C-alpha atoms as a PDB file:
ATOM      1  CA  MET A   1     -30.454   2.161 -42.546  1.00  0.00           C
ATOM      2  CA  SER A   2     -30.093  -0.783 -40.179  1.00  0.00           C
ATOM      3  CA  THR A   3     -32.563  -1.681 -37.473  1.00  0.00           C
ATOM      4  CA  PRO A   4     -31.310  -0.763 -33.999  1.00  0.00           C
ATOM      5  CA  GLN A   5     -30.738  -3.548 -31.517  1.00  0.00           C
ATOM      6  CA  THR A   6     -33.494  -3.882 -28.917  1.00  0.00           C
ATOM      7  CA  ILE A   7     -32.858  -3.921 -25.182  1.00  0.00           C
ATOM      8  CA  LEU A   8     -35.578  -4.940 -22.735  1.00  0.00           C
ATOM      9  CA  ILE A   9     -35.368  -3.421 -19.260  1.00  0.00           C
ATOM     10  CA  VAL A  10     -37.398  -5.251 -16.602  1.00  0.00           C
ATOM     11  CA  ASP A  11     -37.351  -3.257 -13.372  1.00  0.00           C
ATOM     12  CA  ASP A  12     -39.888  -1.919 -10.884  1.00  0.00           C
ATOM     13  CA  ASP A  13     -37.805   1.241 -10.327  1.00  0.00           C
ATOM     14  CA  LEU A  14     -39.232   3.779 -12.755  1.00  0.00           C
ATOM     15  CA  ASP A  15     -36.338   6.179 -12.160  1.00  0.00           C
ATOM     16  CA  PHE A  16     -33.840   3.488 -13.150  1.00  0.00           C
ATOM     17  CA  ILE A  17     -35.873   2.669 -16.261  1.00  0.00           C
ATOM     18  CA  ALA A  18     -35.940   6.349 -17.247  1.00  0.00           C
ATOM     19  CA  VAL A  19     -32.207   6.958 -16.773  1.00  0.00           C
ATOM     20  CA  ALA A  20     -31.030   3.636 -18.240  1.00  0.00           C
ATOM     21  CA  GLY A  21     -33.498   3.848 -21.114  1.00  0.00           C
ATOM     22  CA  ALA A  22     -32.437   7.387 -22.008  1.00  0.00           C
ATOM     23  CA  ALA A  23     -28.733   6.467 -21.968  1.00  0.00           C
ATOM     24  CA  LEU A  24     -29.270   3.380 -24.115  1.00  0.00           C
ATOM     25  CA  GLU A  25     -31.545   5.193 -26.579  1.00  0.00           C
ATOM     26  CA  ALA A  26     -29.022   8.039 -26.875  1.00  0.00           C
ATOM     27  CA  SER A  27     -26.484   5.367 -27.876  1.00  0.00           C
ATOM     28  CA  GLY A  28     -28.726   4.122 -30.675  1.00  0.00           C
ATOM     29  CA  TYR A  29     -30.507   1.200 -29.036  1.00  0.00           C
ATOM     30  CA  ARG A  30     -34.247   0.635 -29.134  1.00  0.00           C
ATOM     31  CA  VAL A  31     -35.514   0.233 -25.550  1.00  0.00           C
ATOM     32  CA  VAL A  32     -38.666  -1.533 -24.385  1.00  0.00           C
ATOM     33  CA  THR A  33     -39.622  -1.852 -20.742  1.00  0.00           C
ATOM     34  CA  ALA A  34     -41.651  -3.823 -18.233  1.00  0.00           C
ATOM     35  CA  GLU A  35     -42.213  -3.133 -14.545  1.00  0.00           C
ATOM     36  CA  ASP A  36     -42.641  -6.711 -13.297  1.00  0.00           C
ATOM     37  CA  ALA A  37     -41.453 -10.216 -14.114  1.00  0.00           C
ATOM     38  CA  GLY A  38     -44.712 -11.404 -15.690  1.00  0.00           C
ATOM     39  CA  ARG A  39     -44.902  -8.510 -18.109  1.00  0.00           C
ATOM     40  CA  GLY A  40     -41.141  -8.828 -18.663  1.00  0.00           C
ATOM     41  CA  PHE A  41     -41.546 -12.384 -19.914  1.00  0.00           C
ATOM     42  CA  GLU A  42     -44.428 -11.352 -22.180  1.00  0.00           C
ATOM     43  CA  MET A  43     -42.363  -8.499 -23.634  1.00  0.00           C
ATOM     44  CA  ALA A  44     -39.321 -10.739 -24.099  1.00  0.00           C
ATOM     45  CA  VAL A  45     -41.308 -13.284 -26.106  1.00  0.00           C
ATOM     46  CA  ALA A  46     -43.199 -10.635 -28.100  1.00  0.00           C
ATOM     47  CA  GLU A  47     -40.235  -8.352 -28.835  1.00  0.00           C
ATOM     48  CA  GLY A  48     -37.383 -10.859 -29.141  1.00  0.00           C
ATOM     49  CA  PRO A  49     -34.871  -8.378 -27.677  1.00  0.00           C
ATOM     50  CA  ASP A  50     -31.147  -8.604 -28.305  1.00  0.00           C
ATOM     51  CA  LEU A  51     -30.370  -8.035 -24.601  1.00  0.00           C
ATOM     52  CA  ILE A  52     -32.410  -8.227 -21.396  1.00  0.00           C
ATOM     53  CA  LEU A  53     -31.634  -6.213 -18.261  1.00  0.00           C
ATOM     54  CA  LEU A  54     -33.402  -7.628 -15.180  1.00  0.00           C
ATOM     55  CA  ASP A  55     -33.788  -6.286 -11.697  1.00  0.00           C
ATOM     56  CA  LEU A  56     -33.256  -9.039  -9.117  1.00  0.00           C
ATOM     57  CA  MET A  57     -35.757  -7.833  -6.513  1.00  0.00           C
ATOM     58  CA  MET A  58     -39.160  -6.866  -7.901  1.00  0.00           C
ATOM     59  CA  GLU A  59     -42.403  -8.450  -6.697  1.00  0.00           C
ATOM     60  CA  GLU A  60     -40.368 -11.023  -4.777  1.00  0.00           C
ATOM     61  CA  THR A  61     -36.737 -10.944  -3.674  1.00  0.00           C
ATOM     62  CA  ASP A  62     -35.818 -13.468  -6.376  1.00  0.00           C
ATOM     63  CA  SER A  63     -38.129 -12.354  -9.218  1.00  0.00           C
ATOM     64  CA  GLY A  64     -35.179 -11.631 -11.517  1.00  0.00           C
ATOM     65  CA  VAL A  65     -33.611 -15.073 -11.094  1.00  0.00           C
ATOM     66  CA  ARG A  66     -36.958 -16.777 -11.611  1.00  0.00           C
ATOM     67  CA  LEU A  67     -37.512 -14.761 -14.767  1.00  0.00           C
ATOM     68  CA  ALA A  68     -33.981 -15.525 -15.984  1.00  0.00           C
ATOM     69  CA  HIS A  69     -34.695 -19.258 -15.589  1.00  0.00           C
ATOM     70  CA  GLN A  70     -37.974 -18.883 -17.466  1.00  0.00           C
ATOM     71  CA  LEU A  71     -36.176 -17.013 -20.274  1.00  0.00           C
ATOM     72  CA  ARG A  72     -33.528 -19.756 -20.538  1.00  0.00           C
ATOM     73  CA  ARG A  73     -36.249 -22.401 -20.957  1.00  0.00           C
ATOM     74  CA  ASP A  74     -38.085 -20.548 -23.740  1.00  0.00           C
ATOM     75  CA  PRO A  75     -36.855 -21.219 -27.301  1.00  0.00           C
ATOM     76  CA  ILE A  76     -37.379 -17.570 -28.292  1.00  0.00           C
ATOM     77  CA  THR A  77     -35.243 -16.132 -25.481  1.00  0.00           C
ATOM     78  CA  GLN A  78     -32.911 -18.963 -24.460  1.00  0.00           C
ATOM     79  CA  ASP A  79     -29.867 -17.458 -26.184  1.00  0.00           C
ATOM     80  CA  THR A  80     -30.573 -13.810 -25.367  1.00  0.00           C
ATOM     81  CA  PRO A  81     -27.932 -12.277 -23.089  1.00  0.00           C
ATOM     82  CA  VAL A  82     -29.356 -11.521 -19.638  1.00  0.00           C
ATOM     83  CA  VAL A  83     -27.924  -9.083 -17.105  1.00  0.00           C
ATOM     84  CA  ILE A  84     -29.107  -9.132 -13.498  1.00  0.00           C
ATOM     85  CA  LEU A  85     -29.005  -5.623 -12.020  1.00  0.00           C
ATOM     86  CA  THR A  86     -29.434  -5.404  -8.281  1.00  0.00           C
ATOM     87  CA  ALA A  87     -29.087  -3.336  -5.165  1.00  0.00           C
ATOM     88  CA  VAL A  88     -29.172  -6.464  -2.999  1.00  0.00           C
ATOM     89  CA  ARG A  89     -25.809  -5.689  -1.365  1.00  0.00           C
ATOM     90  CA  LYS A  90     -27.001  -2.198  -0.463  1.00  0.00           C
ATOM     91  CA  ALA A  91     -30.399  -3.479   0.752  1.00  0.00           C
ATOM     92  CA  THR A  92     -29.145  -6.437   2.799  1.00  0.00           C
ATOM     93  CA  GLY A  93     -25.459  -5.870   3.479  1.00  0.00           C
ATOM     94  CA  PHE A  94     -24.683  -9.270   1.962  1.00  0.00           C
ATOM     95  CA  ASP A  95     -22.848  -9.936  -1.288  1.00  0.00           C
ATOM     96  CA  PHE A  96     -24.797 -12.488  -3.319  1.00  0.00           C
ATOM     97  CA  ALA A  97     -22.849 -11.929  -6.535  1.00  0.00           C
ATOM     98  CA  PRO A  98     -21.934 -15.014  -8.538  1.00  0.00           C
ATOM     99  CA  ILE A  99     -18.255 -15.891  -8.640  1.00  0.00           C
ATOM    100  CA  ALA A 100     -17.679 -18.814 -10.994  1.00  0.00           C
ATOM    101  CA  ARG A 101     -19.115 -19.545 -14.442  1.00  0.00           C
ATOM    102  CA  GLN A 102     -21.345 -22.265 -12.975  1.00  0.00           C
ATOM    103  CA  ASP A 103     -22.883 -19.624 -10.671  1.00  0.00           C
ATOM    104  CA  TYR A 104     -23.884 -17.577 -13.711  1.00  0.00           C
ATOM    105  CA  ASP A 105     -25.251 -20.680 -15.437  1.00  0.00           C
ATOM    106  CA  TRP A 106     -27.282 -21.563 -12.333  1.00  0.00           C
ATOM    107  CA  ILE A 107     -28.669 -18.020 -12.108  1.00  0.00           C
ATOM    108  CA  GLY A 108     -29.385 -17.902 -15.831  1.00  0.00           C
ATOM    109  CA  ALA A 109     -27.492 -14.661 -16.382  1.00  0.00           C
ATOM    110  CA  ASP A 110     -24.519 -13.533 -18.409  1.00  0.00           C
ATOM    111  CA  ALA A 111     -23.612 -10.721 -16.031  1.00  0.00           C
ATOM    112  CA  TRP A 112     -24.457  -9.522 -12.512  1.00  0.00           C
ATOM    113  CA  ILE A 113     -24.154  -5.807 -11.842  1.00  0.00           C
ATOM    114  CA  GLU A 114     -24.615  -3.964  -8.564  1.00  0.00           C
ATOM    115  CA  LYS A 115     -26.704  -0.802  -8.678  1.00  0.00           C
ATOM    116  CA  PRO A 116     -26.144   2.010  -8.949  1.00  0.00           C
ATOM    117  CA  ILE A 117     -24.393   1.767 -12.299  1.00  0.00           C
ATOM    118  CA  ALA A 118     -23.313   4.845 -14.224  1.00  0.00           C
ATOM    119  CA  PRO A 119     -25.212   5.241 -17.500  1.00  0.00           C
ATOM    120  CA  ARG A 120     -21.944   5.228 -19.463  1.00  0.00           C
ATOM    121  CA  GLU A 121     -20.925   1.919 -17.852  1.00  0.00           C
ATOM    122  CA  LEU A 122     -24.330   0.420 -18.650  1.00  0.00           C
ATOM    123  CA  VAL A 123     -23.989   1.431 -22.308  1.00  0.00           C
ATOM    124  CA  GLN A 124     -20.477  -0.077 -22.424  1.00  0.00           C
ATOM    125  CA  LEU A 125     -21.739  -3.315 -20.865  1.00  0.00           C
ATOM    126  CA  ALA A 126     -24.598  -3.516 -23.377  1.00  0.00           C
ATOM    127  CA  ALA A 127     -22.211  -2.937 -26.276  1.00  0.00           C
ATOM    128  CA  ARG A 128     -19.856  -5.645 -25.030  1.00  0.00           C
ATOM    129  CA  LEU A 129     -22.606  -8.217 -24.541  1.00  0.00           C
ATOM    130  CA  LEU A 130     -24.163  -7.440 -27.913  1.00  0.00           C
ATOM    131  CA  GLU A 131     -20.845  -7.783 -29.770  1.00  0.00           C
ATOM    132  CA  THR A 132     -20.668 -11.552 -29.492  1.00  0.00           C
ATOM    133  CA  PRO A 133     -23.415 -14.143 -29.291  1.00  0.00           C
ATOM    134  CA  ARG A 134     -23.889 -15.990 -25.997  1.00  0.00           C
ATOM    135  CA  LYS A 135     -22.467 -19.486 -25.817  1.00  0.00           C
ATOM    136  CA  GLU A 136     -22.938 -21.942 -22.974  1.00  0.00           C
ATOM    137  CA  GLY A 137     -19.846 -21.918 -20.798  1.00  0.00           C
ATOM    138  CA  ASP A 138     -18.655 -18.428 -21.833  1.00  0.00           C
ATOM    139  CA  ALA A 139     -17.081 -16.388 -19.082  1.00  0.00           C
ATOM    140  CA  PRO A 140     -19.210 -13.498 -17.785  1.00  0.00           C
END
């Protein structure tokens, strides 16, 4: 029996963690969670997840981007796919989504998803990102 791939969810929304975690676990993934950026970094280094899902706005409005940058600098997590999940458009009315590949590189993420996201879509996104290893310059 093979070891399931691990997905780290870093989000301060406990309802999102519960729903996303349940959907991913039902699809065969191992899920670990953290409720803030500091604990998220600790869990990422300790667990070595195969995929990291980050909320953009946690303690600060840019906690997710700061954590993504920290993950890209760490040798343990630098190649781990990172997805920024956010309700920033809903909260502010502005669309901050990256457009070009260099935007994603600057943010430190492989994908940017607006919440809410259907559990099925989240599972499909995870499967797609876990299929192929991340390479610098890949399209999101």
